[in-house]
Amino acid sequence: MKVTLLSGGTGGAKLATGMAAVLPATDLSIVVNTADDDEFWGLLVSPDIDAILYRLAGVFNAVSGFGVRNDTFAALDMLRTLGEDTWFQLGDRDIGMHLLRATLMRGGLRLTEAVAQIAHNLGIGVAVLPMSDDPVRTRMRTATGELSLQEWFVREHSRPPLLGIRFAGAEVARPAPEALTAIADADAVIVGPSNPIVSVDPILAVLGDSLDRERVTVISPIVGGRSLKGPTVEMLGQLGEEANAFGVARRYAGIAAGIVIDSVDADLREPIRALGMRVLVADTVMADAAGERRVAAALLQRIESTDGS
């Protein structure tokens, strides 16, 4: 079965590694959010893409939640000495990734092609595909002004209350051809348990029209009214949305025929079914590599063997 995973953020990246562990590499494609991307010191930083590459390569820093394990920060220390504001943490090995990506793109490669080259160099056989080769950037509207996502999330620690969000460039961005092909060829499209507002919505803004609802299953990133990582619940609440698995289902009902919710949210099964969605209740918490494989295998088995009802 060919599977395409739409991913961004921690939850999607964890599911990506689980899927890669239970599927042949040729049967899995991962379409990744690029609206988190930003430039620092002339280098394009792609947090969601890099998180997936580092996880698949087995070098991800799970302690900090970003970057490369056992990295050093000599370059950042030098920048600080030179008077630069270094609120965005880039490790030395991480900078090596960004330097190569910048070099490849200056040499004429599209972002998708540069990522494919880097994945190959890391020994990754799974297709890791940016949603677009054109720039899309998440902009957070707050009472103190508009901020980039990295400014709001990293520098300001998600403190300024949100008034709204926009995806600059999404209206003219073209889907990456490889991402379109992956979606068209997939037997199943899975929306990972990533933040629906800033990790998944940008992908849908660019590629949503290409999705066949009957082949789409989403995994709720909210378990028992809590997000396991990041400010998903707080963001939904600030924007006036219901911050639970039912609210997630209502968000995706138009593009996904099925949803996976955690067993602690089993009481929401019938209300979600009333939205016209198939519901799978399962343990969705991926605390470690074994959990990632377990959730991925259970999801794939259900998609293959039943209609999800």
Protein backbone atom coordinates (compact mmCIF):
# COMPACT_ATOMS: atom_id res chain seq x y z
CA MET A 1 0.00 0.00 0.00
CA LYS A 2 1.37 3.41 -0.99
CA VAL A 3 1.00 6.00 1.75
CA THR A 4 1.54 9.75 1.68
CA LEU A 5 1.85 11.46 5.05
CA LEU A 6 1.18 15.18 5.39
CA SER A 7 3.46 16.32 8.17
CA GLY A 8 4.74 19.23 10.15
CA GLY A 9 5.92 19.61 13.69
CA THR A 10 6.70 17.03 16.35
CA GLY A 11 3.70 14.73 16.10
CA GLY A 12 3.89 14.41 12.33
CA ALA A 13 7.63 13.81 12.46
CA LYS A 14 7.19 11.06 15.06
CA LEU A 15 4.58 9.33 12.93
CA ALA A 16 6.88 9.70 9.92
CA THR A 17 9.60 7.70 11.68
CA GLY A 18 7.04 5.10 12.73
CA MET A 19 5.76 4.78 9.17
CA ALA A 20 9.30 4.52 7.83
CA ALA A 21 9.93 1.63 10.23
CA VAL A 22 6.95 -0.44 9.08
CA LEU A 23 6.66 0.40 5.36
CA PRO A 24 9.05 -0.22 2.47
CA ALA A 25 10.78 3.04 1.62
CA THR A 26 9.29 3.02 -1.87
CA ASP A 27 5.76 2.93 -0.42
CA LEU A 28 6.06 6.03 1.77
CA SER A 29 6.16 9.70 0.84
CA ILE A 30 6.15 12.54 3.35
CA VAL A 31 4.82 15.92 2.21
CA VAL A 32 6.10 18.54 4.63
CA ASN A 33 5.00 22.00 5.71
CA THR A 34 7.43 24.74 4.66
CA ALA A 35 5.55 27.77 6.02
CA ASP A 36 7.66 27.58 9.21
CA ASP A 37 10.77 28.29 7.12
CA ASP A 38 12.78 31.42 7.80
CA GLU A 39 16.17 32.91 6.96
CA PHE A 40 18.94 33.49 9.49
CA TRP A 41 22.31 34.95 8.49
CA GLY A 42 21.55 34.26 4.84
CA LEU A 43 20.64 30.60 5.39
CA LEU A 44 17.24 29.06 4.71
CA VAL A 45 16.14 27.15 7.81
CA SER A 46 13.35 24.60 7.30
CA PRO A 47 12.41 23.36 10.79
CA ASP A 48 9.75 20.81 9.82
CA ILE A 49 11.74 19.34 6.94
CA ASP A 50 14.90 19.16 9.01
CA ALA A 51 13.12 17.54 11.97
CA ILE A 52 11.96 14.74 9.69
CA LEU A 53 15.36 14.36 8.02
CA TYR A 54 17.16 14.25 11.37
CA ARG A 55 14.66 11.77 12.83
CA LEU A 56 14.84 9.46 9.82
CA ALA A 57 18.64 9.65 9.90
CA GLY A 58 18.69 8.83 13.61
CA VAL A 59 20.47 12.03 14.69
CA PHE A 60 17.57 14.13 16.02
CA ASN A 61 18.04 15.84 19.37
CA ALA A 62 15.02 14.52 21.26
CA VAL A 63 16.11 16.28 24.47
CA SER A 64 15.93 19.82 23.08
CA GLY A 65 13.21 18.96 20.56
CA PHE A 66 15.14 20.47 17.64
CA GLY A 67 18.42 20.17 15.80
CA VAL A 68 21.11 17.50 15.90
CA ARG A 69 22.01 15.33 18.87
CA ASN A 70 25.28 16.25 20.64
CA ASP A 71 25.66 19.42 18.58
CA THR A 72 27.96 22.27 19.54
CA PHE A 73 27.33 26.01 19.25
CA ALA A 74 30.70 27.60 18.50
CA ALA A 75 29.42 29.48 15.45
CA LEU A 76 26.50 30.89 17.45
CA ASP A 77 28.88 31.90 20.24
CA MET A 78 30.99 33.80 17.70
CA LEU A 79 27.91 35.54 16.30
CA ARG A 80 26.97 36.57 19.83
CA THR A 81 30.49 37.92 20.37
CA LEU A 82 30.07 39.94 17.17
CA GLY A 83 26.95 41.55 18.58
CA GLU A 84 24.30 39.46 16.83
CA ASP A 85 21.00 38.60 18.48
CA THR A 86 21.13 34.80 18.76
CA TRP A 87 17.65 33.95 20.05
CA PHE A 88 17.28 31.32 17.30
CA GLN A 89 19.54 28.43 18.24
CA LEU A 90 21.51 26.95 15.34
CA GLY A 91 24.07 24.29 16.21
CA ASP A 92 27.27 23.84 14.23
CA ARG A 93 26.21 20.58 12.60
CA ASP A 94 22.77 22.04 11.94
CA ILE A 95 24.42 24.99 10.18
CA GLY A 96 26.23 22.48 8.00
CA MET A 97 22.84 21.26 6.76
CA HIS A 98 21.71 24.81 5.99
CA LEU A 99 24.97 25.65 4.23
CA LEU A 100 24.63 22.68 1.90
CA ARG A 101 20.97 23.43 1.16
CA ALA A 102 21.83 27.04 0.36
CA THR A 103 24.69 25.96 -1.89
CA LEU A 104 22.53 23.46 -3.76
CA MET A 105 19.79 26.02 -4.31
CA ARG A 106 22.22 28.72 -5.42
CA GLY A 107 23.45 26.14 -7.92
CA GLY A 108 19.99 26.00 -9.47
CA LEU A 109 18.21 23.19 -7.63
CA ARG A 110 14.64 23.61 -6.48
CA LEU A 111 13.99 23.18 -2.75
CA THR A 112 12.52 19.72 -3.44
CA GLU A 113 15.63 18.69 -5.35
CA ALA A 114 17.95 20.04 -2.67
CA VAL A 115 16.06 18.17 0.06
CA ALA A 116 16.20 14.97 -2.02
CA GLN A 117 19.96 15.33 -2.37
CA ILE A 118 20.41 15.87 1.35
CA ALA A 119 18.15 12.90 2.18
CA HIS A 120 20.22 10.72 -0.15
CA ASN A 121 23.43 11.90 1.51
CA LEU A 122 21.95 10.96 4.90
CA GLY A 123 21.02 7.48 3.67
CA ILE A 124 17.27 8.13 3.76
CA GLY A 125 15.26 6.14 1.23
CA VAL A 126 11.87 7.65 1.98
CA ALA A 127 10.72 10.55 -0.21
CA VAL A 128 10.72 13.75 1.88
CA LEU A 129 8.88 16.36 -0.18
CA PRO A 130 8.36 20.06 0.53
CA MET A 131 4.77 21.11 -0.10
CA SER A 132 6.00 23.80 -2.51
CA ASP A 133 9.21 25.12 -3.99
CA ASP A 134 7.77 28.63 -3.71
CA PRO A 135 8.07 30.54 -0.43
CA VAL A 136 5.10 30.47 1.95
CA ARG A 137 5.54 32.07 5.35
CA THR A 138 3.30 31.92 8.42
CA ARG A 139 2.59 35.33 9.90
CA MET A 140 1.14 35.67 13.40
CA ARG A 141 -1.07 38.69 14.04
CA THR A 142 -0.79 39.82 17.66
CA ALA A 143 -1.65 42.91 19.70
CA THR A 144 2.00 43.94 19.46
CA GLY A 145 2.15 43.58 15.70
CA GLU A 146 2.75 40.90 13.11
CA LEU A 147 5.48 38.36 13.81
CA SER A 148 6.98 35.47 11.90
CA LEU A 149 6.15 32.09 13.36
CA GLN A 150 9.71 31.66 14.66
CA GLU A 151 9.65 35.10 16.29
CA TRP A 152 6.35 34.31 18.01
CA PHE A 153 7.12 30.72 18.99
CA VAL A 154 10.85 30.79 19.74
CA ARG A 155 11.76 34.38 20.60
CA GLU A 156 8.51 35.35 22.33
CA HIS A 157 7.74 31.84 23.72
CA SER A 158 4.18 31.95 22.32
CA ARG A 159 3.26 34.69 24.80
CA PRO A 160 1.59 37.40 22.69
CA PRO A 161 -2.07 36.34 22.33
CA LEU A 162 -3.05 35.56 18.77
CA LEU A 163 -5.54 37.69 16.89
CA GLY A 164 -5.17 35.86 13.58
CA ILE A 165 -2.82 34.00 11.25
CA ARG A 166 -2.07 34.35 7.56
CA PHE A 167 0.09 32.39 5.15
CA ALA A 168 1.97 34.93 3.11
CA GLY A 169 2.56 33.71 -0.43
CA ALA A 170 0.12 30.79 -0.25
CA GLU A 171 -2.21 32.43 -2.76
CA VAL A 172 0.43 32.27 -5.49
CA ALA A 173 2.54 29.31 -4.39
CA ARG A 174 2.48 26.34 -6.74
CA PRO A 175 2.39 22.81 -5.31
CA ALA A 176 5.68 21.00 -5.79
CA PRO A 177 5.16 18.54 -8.69
CA GLU A 178 6.60 15.68 -6.63
CA ALA A 179 4.16 16.40 -3.80
CA LEU A 180 1.23 16.40 -6.22
CA THR A 181 2.35 13.06 -7.68
CA ALA A 182 2.75 11.54 -4.21
CA ILE A 183 -0.80 12.52 -3.29
CA ALA A 184 -2.27 11.33 -6.60
CA ASP A 185 -0.49 7.96 -6.43
CA ALA A 186 -1.23 7.22 -2.78
CA ASP A 187 -3.67 4.55 -1.72
CA ALA A 188 -4.01 6.44 1.56
CA VAL A 189 -3.21 10.00 2.59
CA ILE A 190 -2.65 10.47 6.31
CA VAL A 191 -2.65 13.85 8.04
CA GLY A 192 -0.21 13.51 10.91
CA PRO A 193 -0.91 14.62 14.49
CA SER A 194 0.62 18.03 13.96
CA ASN A 195 -0.70 21.46 14.93
CA PRO A 196 -3.66 21.91 12.55
CA ILE A 197 -3.31 25.69 12.40
CA VAL A 198 0.37 26.26 11.66
CA SER A 199 1.59 22.83 10.52
CA VAL A 200 -1.26 21.43 8.43
CA ASP A 201 -3.28 24.44 7.26
CA PRO A 202 -0.37 25.74 5.12
CA ILE A 203 -0.16 22.37 3.35
CA LEU A 204 -3.89 22.41 2.74
CA ALA A 205 -3.70 25.99 1.48
CA VAL A 206 -1.34 24.84 -1.26
CA LEU A 207 -2.38 21.21 -1.86
CA GLY A 208 -5.87 20.89 -0.41
CA ASP A 209 -7.63 20.89 -3.78
CA SER A 210 -5.65 17.78 -4.77
CA LEU A 211 -6.96 15.61 -1.93
CA ASP A 212 -9.56 12.89 -2.43
CA ARG A 213 -11.56 12.96 0.83
CA GLU A 214 -12.28 9.23 0.81
CA ARG A 215 -8.56 8.42 0.88
CA VAL A 216 -7.70 10.87 3.69
CA THR A 217 -7.40 9.94 7.38
CA VAL A 218 -6.35 12.42 10.06
CA ILE A 219 -4.87 11.72 13.49
CA SER A 220 -5.95 14.09 16.23
CA PRO A 221 -3.03 15.93 17.85
CA ILE A 222 -5.17 16.58 20.94
CA VAL A 223 -5.52 13.84 23.57
CA GLY A 224 -7.88 14.33 26.47
CA GLY A 225 -8.08 18.05 25.82
CA ARG A 226 -4.27 18.45 25.85
CA SER A 227 -1.68 18.77 23.12
CA LEU A 228 1.26 16.49 23.85
CA LYS A 229 3.72 19.00 22.42
CA GLY A 230 3.50 22.68 21.62
CA PRO A 231 0.77 25.32 22.02
CA THR A 232 -1.93 23.70 19.85
CA VAL A 233 -4.68 23.85 22.48
CA GLU A 234 -3.85 27.42 23.48
CA MET A 235 -3.76 28.56 19.86
CA LEU A 236 -7.11 26.99 19.03
CA GLY A 237 -8.65 28.57 22.12
CA GLN A 238 -7.26 32.02 21.32
CA LEU A 239 -8.70 31.79 17.82
CA GLY A 240 -12.12 30.78 19.14
CA GLU A 241 -12.06 27.13 18.17
CA GLU A 242 -13.00 24.07 20.21
CA ALA A 243 -9.73 22.67 21.55
CA ASN A 244 -10.48 18.96 21.73
CA ALA A 245 -10.65 15.96 19.42
CA PHE A 246 -14.16 16.90 18.31
CA GLY A 247 -12.97 20.37 17.34
CA VAL A 248 -10.15 18.78 15.35
CA ALA A 249 -12.64 16.50 13.60
CA ARG A 250 -14.89 19.42 12.73
CA ARG A 251 -11.89 21.25 11.28
CA TYR A 252 -11.03 18.33 8.99
CA ALA A 253 -14.48 16.96 8.17
CA GLY A 254 -14.44 18.56 4.74
CA ILE A 255 -11.15 17.02 3.63
CA ALA A 256 -10.90 13.73 5.57
CA ALA A 257 -13.32 10.81 5.62
CA GLY A 258 -11.65 9.22 8.64
CA ILE A 259 -10.10 10.29 11.93
CA VAL A 260 -8.09 8.54 14.62
CA ILE A 261 -8.73 9.70 18.18
CA ASP A 262 -7.11 8.51 21.38
CA SER A 263 -8.88 6.02 23.64
CA VAL A 264 -9.28 8.67 26.34
CA ASP A 265 -11.54 10.54 23.91
CA ALA A 266 -13.73 7.52 23.12
CA ASP A 267 -16.83 9.37 24.34
CA LEU A 268 -16.47 11.71 21.35
CA ARG A 269 -16.80 8.86 18.87
CA GLU A 270 -20.52 9.26 18.14
CA PRO A 271 -20.51 13.07 17.92
CA ILE A 272 -17.65 12.82 15.45
CA ARG A 273 -19.47 10.15 13.44
CA ALA A 274 -22.37 12.58 13.17
CA LEU A 275 -20.02 14.83 11.20
CA GLY A 276 -19.87 12.10 8.52
CA MET A 277 -16.44 10.78 9.48
CA ARG A 278 -15.26 7.25 10.16
CA VAL A 279 -13.69 7.01 13.61
CA LEU A 280 -10.90 4.79 14.88
CA VAL A 281 -10.29 4.83 18.62
CA ALA A 282 -6.74 3.79 19.53
CA ASP A 283 -3.75 4.57 21.70
CA THR A 284 -2.16 7.43 19.75
CA VAL A 285 0.54 8.52 22.23
CA MET A 286 4.01 7.96 20.75
CA ALA A 287 6.29 8.17 23.78
CA ASP A 288 9.24 6.40 22.13
CA ALA A 289 10.33 4.61 18.96
CA ALA A 290 8.30 1.52 19.87
CA GLY A 291 5.23 3.72 20.28
CA GLU A 292 5.84 5.33 16.89
CA ARG A 293 5.97 1.91 15.22
CA ARG A 294 2.93 0.67 17.14
CA VAL A 295 0.74 3.63 16.16
CA ALA A 296 1.90 3.48 12.54
CA ALA A 297 1.32 -0.28 12.24
CA ALA A 298 -2.12 -0.11 13.87
CA LEU A 299 -3.20 2.73 11.63
CA LEU A 300 -2.03 1.02 8.46
CA GLN A 301 -3.66 -2.26 9.45
CA ARG A 302 -6.98 -0.53 10.04
CA ILE A 303 -6.83 1.35 6.75
CA GLU A 304 -6.00 -1.83 4.85
CA SER A 305 -8.45 -4.20 6.52
CA THR A 306 -11.60 -2.20 7.18
CA ASP A 307 -13.51 0.86 6.11
CA GLY A 308 -12.62 2.47 9.43
CA SER A 309 -16.16 2.47 10.73
